[in-house]
Amino acid sequence: MKAMVQKAYGAPEDVLELGDVATPANKDDEVLLRVHAAGVNWADWSAVRGMPYVMRMMYGLRRPRNGVGGVDVAGTVEAVGRDVTTLQPGDEVFGQCQGAFAEYARAKPKNLAPRPAGLTFEQAASVPMAGLVALQALRDVGKVRPGHKVLVNGASGGIGTFTVQIAKSFGAEVTGVSSTSNLELVRKIGADHVIDYTEADFTESGRHYDFILDIADNHSIAERRRVLSRKGTLVPNSGEGGRWLGSIGRIIGARLMSPFVSQKLAPFLSVPKTADLLTLMRLIESGEVSPVIDRIHPLSETPAAIAYVGAGHARGKTVIAI
């Protein structure tokens, strides 16, 4: 099968190459997917570069342990393991897998759900990681309810566009922070208020928010706490950071500080669950949430797609069509 293969760490255009590899064999508790589309995430940029260095404990110390990357997927079930009872060949699904930047990939049924009606495979592949981060941050970490004031810093990116829409579906009053060129997009997807970060600093606005999801991470925790309500929740979710620890240092700092303040400082990692993918499916099929696609690339242009996402200027999601 054709796949985007990585044999070393480095810049995407230097270490990724389209090649022929063996089709993966699914285990008894897995399915084999024929991949139609794969979403590109910041995590893919991080994995290709092997940064921060601490993550190589998981990726592989000297070279990637898994030669084919990509997590977000939409495709058709090709084969099922003998222990799989919830899916069958021909089912169209979306979710997360191992090795999405290829014609075929392995996945566990618990990480998949039926492709939402009305979405193309490309649109469906844009949903999983960004949608799960937004949903779980708002619902599980922030406990966002009707009337809550929510601020999304980085509202025009992949996670940001889902967060704005899901927060609105929860009945929140949403403020989106983005650049001048993306303000109209943020308004269009439902934000009640927009802030142009090139013209104003939201941490100096004097307003207070019950929940802040900060994807841009261009302020200190102390600055962000200034505009957080006394019992509010801050989720700093940027992958940016130092070469060795990346954002992990900030996560540790926030965890250590949280018990000593009335506010909740809560970095977290999303977990793929069929139940939550089904929640996203229902929000999409009801019209409350719609994926925002910036670019669609063929498999051969995966290095350029990952580099584009890594540069941090994508409007919504970037997708690989296979």
Protein backbone atom coordinates (compact mmCIF):
# COMPACT_ATOMS: atom_id res chain seq x y z
CA MET A 1 0.00 0.00 0.00
CA LYS A 2 1.01 3.64 -0.38
CA ALA A 3 1.94 5.43 2.84
CA MET A 4 3.80 8.50 4.04
CA VAL A 5 6.85 6.96 5.71
CA GLN A 6 9.09 8.57 8.35
CA LYS A 7 12.49 7.09 9.20
CA ALA A 8 14.02 9.95 11.19
CA TYR A 9 13.08 13.09 13.14
CA GLY A 10 13.23 16.50 11.53
CA ALA A 11 11.39 18.95 9.30
CA PRO A 12 8.45 17.26 7.50
CA GLU A 13 9.82 17.94 4.01
CA ASP A 14 13.15 16.36 5.01
CA VAL A 15 12.04 13.19 6.78
CA LEU A 16 8.71 12.20 5.19
CA GLU A 17 8.58 10.26 1.94
CA LEU A 18 5.78 8.58 0.01
CA GLY A 19 6.55 4.88 -0.32
CA ASP A 20 5.20 1.35 -0.56
CA VAL A 21 4.83 -0.61 2.67
CA ALA A 22 3.04 -3.76 3.73
CA THR A 23 -0.65 -3.42 4.52
CA PRO A 24 -1.01 -3.67 8.33
CA ALA A 25 -2.63 -6.76 9.82
CA ASN A 26 -5.33 -5.96 12.35
CA LYS A 27 -5.30 -7.79 15.67
CA ASP A 28 -8.24 -9.80 17.04
CA ASP A 29 -9.64 -6.74 18.83
CA GLU A 30 -9.05 -4.32 15.94
CA VAL A 31 -10.44 -3.46 12.54
CA LEU A 32 -8.59 -2.71 9.33
CA LEU A 33 -9.71 0.54 7.75
CA ARG A 34 -9.50 1.59 4.16
CA VAL A 35 -8.53 5.22 4.77
CA HIS A 36 -10.39 7.84 2.74
CA ALA A 37 -9.12 10.90 4.63
CA ALA A 38 -6.85 11.80 7.54
CA GLY A 39 -6.89 14.93 9.69
CA VAL A 40 -3.67 16.81 10.43
CA ASN A 41 -3.04 17.99 13.99
CA TRP A 42 -0.36 19.84 15.93
CA ALA A 43 0.46 16.44 17.48
CA ASP A 44 1.53 15.21 14.03
CA TRP A 45 3.91 18.16 13.67
CA SER A 46 5.32 17.37 17.11
CA ALA A 47 5.72 13.66 16.32
CA VAL A 48 7.51 14.29 13.00
CA ARG A 49 10.03 16.60 14.66
CA GLY A 50 10.36 14.40 17.75
CA MET A 51 9.75 17.46 19.88
CA PRO A 52 9.78 18.08 22.74
CA TYR A 53 12.57 15.61 23.39
CA VAL A 54 10.80 14.09 26.38
CA MET A 55 8.12 12.76 24.02
CA ARG A 56 10.69 10.50 22.34
CA MET A 57 10.19 8.21 25.31
CA MET A 58 6.86 7.46 23.64
CA TYR A 59 7.67 8.03 19.95
CA GLY A 60 11.06 6.23 19.91
CA LEU A 61 14.38 7.51 21.21
CA ARG A 62 16.49 7.71 18.03
CA ARG A 63 13.89 7.24 15.33
CA PRO A 64 10.09 6.91 15.19
CA ARG A 65 8.84 3.59 16.50
CA ASN A 66 5.89 3.77 14.12
CA GLY A 67 7.04 4.56 10.60
CA VAL A 68 3.61 5.80 9.48
CA GLY A 69 1.98 8.65 11.40
CA GLY A 70 -1.47 10.16 11.55
CA VAL A 71 -4.25 9.64 14.09
CA ASP A 72 -7.49 11.27 12.87
CA VAL A 73 -9.22 9.14 10.27
CA ALA A 74 -12.38 8.63 8.24
CA GLY A 75 -12.81 5.53 6.14
CA THR A 76 -14.48 2.21 5.50
CA VAL A 77 -14.06 -0.95 7.56
CA GLU A 78 -12.21 -3.45 5.37
CA ALA A 79 -11.83 -6.35 7.82
CA VAL A 80 -12.62 -7.07 11.48
CA GLY A 81 -10.82 -9.12 14.10
CA ARG A 82 -12.54 -12.17 15.52
CA ASP A 83 -13.24 -10.41 18.83
CA VAL A 84 -14.94 -7.41 17.20
CA THR A 85 -18.73 -7.44 17.40
CA THR A 86 -19.72 -3.78 16.96
CA LEU A 87 -18.45 -3.22 13.41
CA GLN A 88 -18.48 -5.10 10.14
CA PRO A 89 -16.88 -4.74 6.71
CA GLY A 90 -18.41 -1.88 4.75
CA ASP A 91 -19.20 0.34 7.75
CA GLU A 92 -18.24 3.97 7.20
CA VAL A 93 -16.60 5.38 10.32
CA PHE A 94 -14.55 8.24 11.75
CA GLY A 95 -12.34 8.46 14.80
CA GLN A 96 -8.75 7.70 15.70
CA CYS A 97 -6.37 5.00 14.54
CA GLN A 98 -2.70 4.10 14.15
CA GLY A 99 -1.08 5.23 10.89
CA ALA A 100 -3.73 7.34 9.15
CA PHE A 101 -1.35 8.77 6.53
CA ALA A 102 -1.72 5.63 4.41
CA GLU A 103 -4.19 3.71 2.30
CA TYR A 104 -4.98 1.31 5.16
CA ALA A 105 -4.74 1.61 8.95
CA ARG A 106 -5.52 -0.34 12.12
CA ALA A 107 -8.00 0.92 14.71
CA LYS A 108 -9.80 -0.22 17.83
CA PRO A 109 -13.62 -0.10 17.67
CA LYS A 110 -13.78 1.91 20.93
CA ASN A 111 -12.04 4.77 19.08
CA LEU A 112 -14.50 4.85 16.17
CA ALA A 113 -18.09 5.89 15.47
CA PRO A 114 -20.34 6.02 12.39
CA ARG A 115 -19.48 8.78 9.92
CA PRO A 116 -21.91 11.69 10.53
CA ALA A 117 -24.66 11.94 7.95
CA GLY A 118 -24.08 14.75 5.48
CA LEU A 119 -20.33 14.96 6.00
CA THR A 120 -17.77 14.02 3.39
CA PHE A 121 -14.94 11.74 4.47
CA GLU A 122 -12.65 14.78 4.45
CA GLN A 123 -14.96 16.71 6.77
CA ALA A 124 -15.38 13.71 9.07
CA ALA A 125 -11.60 13.23 9.32
CA SER A 126 -11.25 16.80 10.57
CA VAL A 127 -13.40 16.17 13.63
CA PRO A 128 -11.91 13.61 16.06
CA MET A 129 -8.98 15.11 17.97
CA ALA A 130 -10.03 18.78 17.76
CA GLY A 131 -13.67 17.96 18.47
CA LEU A 132 -12.84 15.72 21.41
CA VAL A 133 -10.53 18.32 22.98
CA ALA A 134 -13.23 20.97 22.68
CA LEU A 135 -16.05 18.76 23.96
CA GLN A 136 -14.18 17.24 26.89
CA ALA A 137 -12.62 20.57 27.93
CA LEU A 138 -15.97 22.38 27.95
CA ARG A 139 -18.17 19.63 29.37
CA ASP A 140 -15.90 17.59 31.64
CA VAL A 141 -13.25 20.06 32.79
CA GLY A 142 -15.05 23.41 32.66
CA LYS A 143 -18.57 22.14 33.45
CA VAL A 144 -19.84 24.84 31.09
CA ARG A 145 -23.55 25.55 31.45
CA PRO A 146 -26.07 27.99 29.92
CA GLY A 147 -25.17 31.57 30.72
CA HIS A 148 -21.50 30.90 31.38
CA LYS A 149 -19.05 33.30 29.80
CA VAL A 150 -16.47 31.45 27.70
CA LEU A 151 -13.34 32.86 26.06
CA VAL A 152 -11.46 30.99 23.33
CA ASN A 153 -7.98 32.32 22.58
CA GLY A 154 -7.11 30.95 19.15
CA ALA A 155 -10.73 30.74 18.07
CA SER A 156 -10.08 30.39 14.33
CA GLY A 157 -7.87 27.27 14.52
CA GLY A 158 -8.88 23.62 14.46
CA ILE A 159 -9.66 23.23 18.16
CA GLY A 160 -10.88 26.82 18.45
CA THR A 161 -13.57 26.53 15.77
CA PHE A 162 -15.02 23.45 17.44
CA THR A 163 -14.83 25.04 20.90
CA VAL A 164 -16.75 28.15 19.84
CA GLN A 165 -19.54 26.08 18.29
CA ILE A 166 -19.83 23.50 21.06
CA ALA A 167 -19.82 26.21 23.74
CA LYS A 168 -22.69 27.94 21.92
CA SER A 169 -24.58 24.62 21.79
CA PHE A 170 -24.22 24.49 25.59
CA GLY A 171 -25.84 27.92 25.89
CA ALA A 172 -22.69 29.85 26.76
CA GLU A 173 -21.86 33.45 25.85
CA VAL A 174 -18.72 33.08 23.75
CA THR A 175 -15.87 35.49 23.05
CA GLY A 176 -13.39 34.50 20.37
CA VAL A 177 -9.86 35.89 20.07
CA SER A 178 -8.17 35.79 16.66
CA SER A 179 -6.27 37.86 14.12
CA THR A 180 -7.94 40.57 12.03
CA SER A 181 -8.30 38.37 8.96
CA ASN A 182 -10.16 35.67 10.91
CA LEU A 183 -12.64 37.79 12.86
CA GLU A 184 -15.44 37.29 10.35
CA LEU A 185 -14.96 33.51 10.43
CA VAL A 186 -15.19 33.50 14.24
CA ARG A 187 -18.40 35.57 14.08
CA LYS A 188 -19.84 33.28 11.40
CA ILE A 189 -19.42 30.15 13.52
CA GLY A 190 -21.33 31.75 16.38
CA ALA A 191 -19.12 33.85 18.65
CA ASP A 192 -21.09 36.56 20.46
CA HIS A 193 -18.02 38.78 20.76
CA VAL A 194 -14.68 38.87 18.95
CA ILE A 195 -11.34 40.37 19.95
CA ASP A 196 -8.61 41.19 17.44
CA TYR A 197 -5.40 40.31 19.27
CA THR A 198 -3.44 42.66 17.01
CA GLU A 199 -5.52 45.57 18.36
CA ALA A 200 -6.40 44.60 21.94
CA ASP A 201 -5.16 42.38 24.77
CA PHE A 202 -7.98 40.31 26.25
CA THR A 203 -6.15 40.04 29.57
CA GLU A 204 -6.48 43.82 29.99
CA SER A 205 -10.15 44.05 29.03
CA GLY A 206 -11.52 44.10 32.58
CA ARG A 207 -14.03 41.38 31.64
CA HIS A 208 -14.18 38.08 33.50
CA TYR A 209 -14.89 34.62 32.15
CA ASP A 210 -16.10 31.39 33.71
CA PHE A 211 -14.04 29.29 31.32
CA ILE A 212 -10.99 30.05 29.16
CA LEU A 213 -9.53 27.67 26.60
CA ASP A 214 -6.19 29.12 25.52
CA ILE A 215 -4.80 27.49 22.39
CA ALA A 216 -2.60 30.44 21.39
CA ASP A 217 -0.80 30.54 24.75
CA ASN A 218 0.68 34.02 24.26
CA HIS A 219 0.14 35.09 27.89
CA SER A 220 1.40 33.94 31.26
CA ILE A 221 -0.90 32.04 33.63
CA ALA A 222 -0.94 35.07 35.92
CA GLU A 223 -2.14 37.32 33.07
CA ARG A 224 -4.88 34.88 32.11
CA ARG A 225 -6.01 34.51 35.72
CA ARG A 226 -6.72 38.26 35.80
CA VAL A 227 -9.76 37.76 33.55
CA LEU A 228 -10.89 34.47 35.04
CA SER A 229 -13.83 34.59 37.44
CA ARG A 230 -13.15 33.67 41.07
CA LYS A 231 -14.34 30.08 40.53
CA GLY A 232 -13.49 29.96 36.83
CA THR A 233 -11.53 27.33 34.90
CA LEU A 234 -8.50 27.87 32.69
CA VAL A 235 -7.39 25.19 30.23
CA PRO A 236 -4.00 26.09 28.67
CA ASN A 237 -3.87 23.82 25.64
CA SER A 238 -1.08 25.04 23.40
CA GLY A 239 1.61 22.58 22.31
CA GLU A 240 4.20 25.35 22.20
CA GLY A 241 7.11 25.34 24.62
CA GLY A 242 10.76 24.56 25.12
CA ARG A 243 12.84 22.05 23.19
CA TRP A 244 13.12 19.57 26.07
CA LEU A 245 9.79 19.68 27.91
CA GLY A 246 7.57 21.66 25.54
CA SER A 247 4.33 22.59 27.28
CA ILE A 248 4.88 20.00 30.01
CA GLY A 249 6.68 22.54 32.22
CA ARG A 250 3.67 24.86 32.10
CA ILE A 251 1.33 21.95 32.79
CA ILE A 252 3.31 21.01 35.89
CA GLY A 253 3.34 24.65 37.02
CA ALA A 254 -0.42 24.97 36.57
CA ARG A 255 -1.04 21.71 38.44
CA LEU A 256 1.14 22.83 41.34
CA MET A 257 -0.53 26.25 41.54
CA SER A 258 -4.14 25.07 41.22
CA PRO A 259 -4.63 23.81 44.83
CA PHE A 260 -3.62 27.20 46.21
CA VAL A 261 -6.03 29.40 44.24
CA SER A 262 -9.82 29.52 44.02
CA GLN A 263 -9.68 29.15 40.26
CA LYS A 264 -9.19 25.82 38.48
CA LEU A 265 -6.06 25.56 36.33
CA ALA A 266 -6.59 22.40 34.37
CA PRO A 267 -4.37 21.26 31.49
CA PHE A 268 -5.61 17.91 30.22
CA LEU A 269 -5.29 15.33 27.46
CA SER A 270 -8.35 14.26 25.50
CA VAL A 271 -9.27 10.59 25.39
CA PRO A 272 -10.97 9.02 22.35
CA LYS A 273 -14.29 7.41 23.27
CA THR A 274 -17.06 6.11 21.03
CA ALA A 275 -19.62 7.78 23.30
CA ASP A 276 -18.02 11.19 22.81
CA LEU A 277 -17.60 10.68 19.07
CA LEU A 278 -21.33 9.89 19.00
CA THR A 279 -22.00 13.15 20.88
CA LEU A 280 -20.01 15.03 18.25
CA MET A 281 -21.92 13.17 15.54
CA ARG A 282 -25.25 14.28 17.04
CA LEU A 283 -24.10 17.90 17.33
CA ILE A 284 -23.02 17.83 13.68
CA GLU A 285 -26.18 16.14 12.41
CA SER A 286 -28.34 18.63 14.35
CA GLY A 287 -26.55 21.52 12.62
CA GLU A 288 -25.11 22.93 15.85
CA VAL A 289 -21.53 22.14 14.84
CA SER A 290 -19.96 22.22 11.38
CA PRO A 291 -16.32 21.41 10.61
CA VAL A 292 -14.27 24.29 9.19
CA ILE A 293 -11.83 23.09 6.54
CA ASP A 294 -8.89 25.25 5.53
CA ARG A 295 -7.02 23.02 3.06
CA ILE A 296 -7.28 19.53 1.58
CA HIS A 297 -4.04 17.93 0.32
CA PRO A 298 -3.39 14.63 -1.47
CA LEU A 299 -1.31 12.02 0.35
CA SER A 300 1.80 13.04 -1.58
CA GLU A 301 1.60 16.55 -0.05
CA THR A 302 1.43 15.39 3.57
CA PRO A 303 4.81 17.03 4.43
CA ALA A 304 3.52 20.43 3.25
CA ALA A 305 0.25 19.94 5.14
CA ILE A 306 2.02 19.10 8.41
CA ALA A 307 4.41 22.05 7.99
CA TYR A 308 1.45 24.36 7.39
CA VAL A 309 -0.30 23.22 10.58
CA GLY A 310 2.97 23.50 12.50
CA ALA A 311 3.33 27.14 11.42
CA GLY A 312 0.21 27.89 13.49
CA HIS A 313 -1.85 29.87 10.98
CA ALA A 314 -4.44 27.35 9.76
CA ARG A 315 -8.08 28.51 9.63
CA GLY A 316 -9.91 25.48 10.93
CA LYS A 317 -8.60 22.09 9.91
CA THR A 318 -6.16 20.75 7.31
CA VAL A 319 -6.96 17.33 5.84
CA ILE A 320 -5.24 14.67 3.73
CA ALA A 321 -7.45 13.04 1.05
CA ILE A 322 -6.31 9.49 0.29
